[in-house]
Structures are given as structure tokens and as C-alpha cells.
C-alpha atoms as a PDB file:
ATOM      1  CA  UNK A   1      -7.499  -9.518   1.535  1.00  0.00           C
ATOM      2  CA  UNK A   2     -11.139 -10.340   0.797  1.00  0.00           C
ATOM      3  CA  UNK A   3     -10.462 -10.773  -2.907  1.00  0.00           C
ATOM      4  CA  UNK A   4      -7.497 -13.057  -2.228  1.00  0.00           C
ATOM      5  CA  UNK A   5      -9.463 -15.190   0.267  1.00  0.00           C
ATOM      6  CA  UNK A   6     -12.482 -15.475  -2.045  1.00  0.00           C
ATOM      7  CA  UNK A   7     -10.334 -16.353  -5.054  1.00  0.00           C
ATOM      8  CA  UNK A   8      -8.564 -19.064  -3.062  1.00  0.00           C
ATOM      9  CA  UNK A   9     -11.881 -20.436  -1.780  1.00  0.00           C
ATOM     10  CA  UNK A  10     -13.337 -20.372  -5.291  1.00  0.00           C
ATOM     11  CA  UNK A  11     -10.445 -22.328  -6.777  1.00  0.00           C
ATOM     12  CA  UNK A  12     -10.251 -24.837  -3.945  1.00  0.00           C
ATOM     13  CA  UNK A  13     -14.011 -25.446  -3.905  1.00  0.00           C
ATOM     14  CA  UNK A  14     -13.976 -26.221  -7.617  1.00  0.00           C
ATOM     15  CA  UNK A  15     -11.578 -29.072  -6.816  1.00  0.00           C
ATOM     16  CA  UNK A  16     -13.716 -30.555  -4.037  1.00  0.00           C
ATOM     17  CA  UNK A  17     -14.955 -34.107  -4.583  1.00  0.00           C
ATOM     18  CA  UNK A  18     -18.589 -33.096  -4.055  1.00  0.00           C
ATOM     19  CA  UNK A  19     -18.462 -29.851  -6.004  1.00  0.00           C
ATOM     20  CA  UNK A  20     -22.261 -29.769  -6.387  1.00  0.00           C
ATOM     21  CA  UNK A  21     -22.565 -29.174  -2.639  1.00  0.00           C
ATOM     22  CA  UNK A  22     -20.290 -26.145  -3.016  1.00  0.00           C
ATOM     23  CA  UNK A  23     -22.112 -24.373  -5.853  1.00  0.00           C
ATOM     24  CA  UNK A  24     -23.575 -21.538  -3.767  1.00  0.00           C
ATOM     25  CA  UNK A  25     -20.218 -20.990  -2.077  1.00  0.00           C
ATOM     26  CA  UNK A  26     -18.479 -20.880  -5.448  1.00  0.00           C
ATOM     27  CA  UNK A  27     -21.066 -18.492  -6.893  1.00  0.00           C
ATOM     28  CA  UNK A  28     -20.847 -16.108  -3.962  1.00  0.00           C
ATOM     29  CA  UNK A  29     -17.045 -16.219  -4.028  1.00  0.00           C
ATOM     30  CA  UNK A  30     -17.183 -14.939  -7.618  1.00  0.00           C
ATOM     31  CA  UNK A  31     -19.792 -12.301  -6.783  1.00  0.00           C
ATOM     32  CA  UNK A  32     -17.700 -11.056  -3.878  1.00  0.00           C
ATOM     33  CA  UNK A  33     -14.483 -10.903  -5.916  1.00  0.00           C
ATOM     34  CA  UNK A  34     -16.212  -9.091  -8.748  1.00  0.00           C
ATOM     35  CA  UNK A  35     -17.927  -6.422  -6.656  1.00  0.00           C
ATOM     36  CA  UNK A  36     -14.969  -5.826  -4.304  1.00  0.00           C
ATOM     37  CA  UNK A  37     -12.616  -5.480  -7.273  1.00  0.00           C
ATOM     38  CA  UNK A  38     -15.035  -3.132  -9.003  1.00  0.00           C
ATOM     39  CA  UNK A  39     -15.405  -1.048  -5.852  1.00  0.00           C
ATOM     40  CA  UNK A  40     -11.615  -0.705  -5.550  1.00  0.00           C
ATOM     41  CA  UNK A  41     -11.387   0.414  -9.188  1.00  0.00           C
ATOM     42  CA  UNK A  42     -14.276   2.840  -8.791  1.00  0.00           C
ATOM     43  CA  UNK A  43     -12.710   4.372  -5.688  1.00  0.00           C
ATOM     44  CA  UNK A  44      -9.484   4.792  -7.645  1.00  0.00           C
ATOM     45  CA  UNK A  45     -11.399   6.691 -10.323  1.00  0.00           C
ATOM     46  CA  UNK A  46     -13.049   8.903  -7.730  1.00  0.00           C
ATOM     47  CA  UNK A  47     -16.593   7.792  -8.461  1.00  0.00           C
ATOM     48  CA  UNK A  48     -19.357   9.752  -6.738  1.00  0.00           C
ATOM     49  CA  UNK A  49     -21.130   6.420  -6.093  1.00  0.00           C
ATOM     50  CA  UNK A  50     -18.737   5.039  -3.464  1.00  0.00           C
ATOM     51  CA  UNK A  51     -21.379   4.885  -0.759  1.00  0.00           C
ATOM     52  CA  UNK A  52     -23.893   3.004  -2.880  1.00  0.00           C
ATOM     53  CA  UNK A  53     -21.313   0.587  -4.241  1.00  0.00           C
ATOM     54  CA  UNK A  54     -19.885  -0.015  -0.771  1.00  0.00           C
ATOM     55  CA  UNK A  55     -23.347  -0.944   0.539  1.00  0.00           C
ATOM     56  CA  UNK A  56     -23.726  -3.560  -2.201  1.00  0.00           C
ATOM     57  CA  UNK A  57     -20.218  -4.809  -1.505  1.00  0.00           C
ATOM     58  CA  UNK A  58     -20.983  -5.218   2.207  1.00  0.00           C
ATOM     59  CA  UNK A  59     -24.187  -7.111   1.447  1.00  0.00           C
ATOM     60  CA  UNK A  60     -22.430  -9.521  -0.913  1.00  0.00           C
ATOM     61  CA  UNK A  61     -19.481  -9.987   1.462  1.00  0.00           C
ATOM     62  CA  UNK A  62     -21.861 -10.838   4.298  1.00  0.00           C
ATOM     63  CA  UNK A  63     -23.724 -13.329   2.112  1.00  0.00           C
ATOM     64  CA  UNK A  64     -20.467 -14.923   0.999  1.00  0.00           C
ATOM     65  CA  UNK A  65     -19.130 -15.092   4.547  1.00  0.00           C
ATOM     66  CA  UNK A  66     -22.329 -16.613   5.900  1.00  0.00           C
ATOM     67  CA  UNK A  67     -22.348 -19.255   3.159  1.00  0.00           C
ATOM     68  CA  UNK A  68     -18.682 -20.077   3.577  1.00  0.00           C
ATOM     69  CA  UNK A  69     -18.920 -20.524   7.331  1.00  0.00           C
ATOM     70  CA  UNK A  70     -21.427 -23.360   6.731  1.00  0.00           C
ATOM     71  CA  UNK A  71     -18.600 -25.467   5.262  1.00  0.00           C
ATOM     72  CA  UNK A  72     -15.813 -27.078   7.281  1.00  0.00           C
ATOM     73  CA  UNK A  73     -13.181 -26.715   4.571  1.00  0.00           C
ATOM     74  CA  UNK A  74     -10.213 -24.583   5.596  1.00  0.00           C
ATOM     75  CA  UNK A  75     -10.532 -22.311   2.552  1.00  0.00           C
ATOM     76  CA  UNK A  76     -14.188 -21.669   3.340  1.00  0.00           C
ATOM     77  CA  UNK A  77     -13.477 -20.798   6.962  1.00  0.00           C
ATOM     78  CA  UNK A  78     -10.712 -18.390   5.950  1.00  0.00           C
ATOM     79  CA  UNK A  79     -12.978 -16.815   3.355  1.00  0.00           C
ATOM     80  CA  UNK A  80     -15.781 -16.443   5.906  1.00  0.00           C
ATOM     81  CA  UNK A  81     -13.377 -14.770   8.323  1.00  0.00           C
ATOM     82  CA  UNK A  82     -12.203 -12.309   5.652  1.00  0.00           C
ATOM     83  CA  UNK A  83     -15.712 -11.497   4.447  1.00  0.00           C
ATOM     84  CA  UNK A  84     -17.299 -11.094   7.845  1.00  0.00           C
END
């Protein structure tokens, strides 16, 4: 759910008229997708580093959610809700 919301936010923010105002949101969307996807893959492999990776994932998700909730766009609000 988080990956889907962040990917949607990422794509929609790239199409915004004032894309420069969305750069941090876009960057954090990518970070969140990357780390959450990696965590899911690592869990599937049975990595012994689940706890450490999950802590990083939580930190990035919180950062992404807090950034997204600053923006009134629907995709940002949905992303913030998923991440937080």
C-alpha cells in the first residue's frame, strides 16, 4: 500500500505545474518506494537484518509522510496517510 501510494504521488507530482515546489516530496517518494521494496525483498530472503532495515524504512516513511502532508494535492494527502 505504501509503495503504491508513493509511486502514485511521485508520478502525479512530476506533472504538477510548479514541479520545483514538489522536489522534496518527489525525492522522498522515491526513497520510500526504494527502501520499502527492498525491505519486502529482504524479508522474503530471510535476511537477519530485518530489524535494522525496518527502522530505516520507518524513518523514511515518516519523513515522506510529513513532507507530503504539507501539500494540498490529493495524491500527497493519500501518500501521507499511507506513510504515517
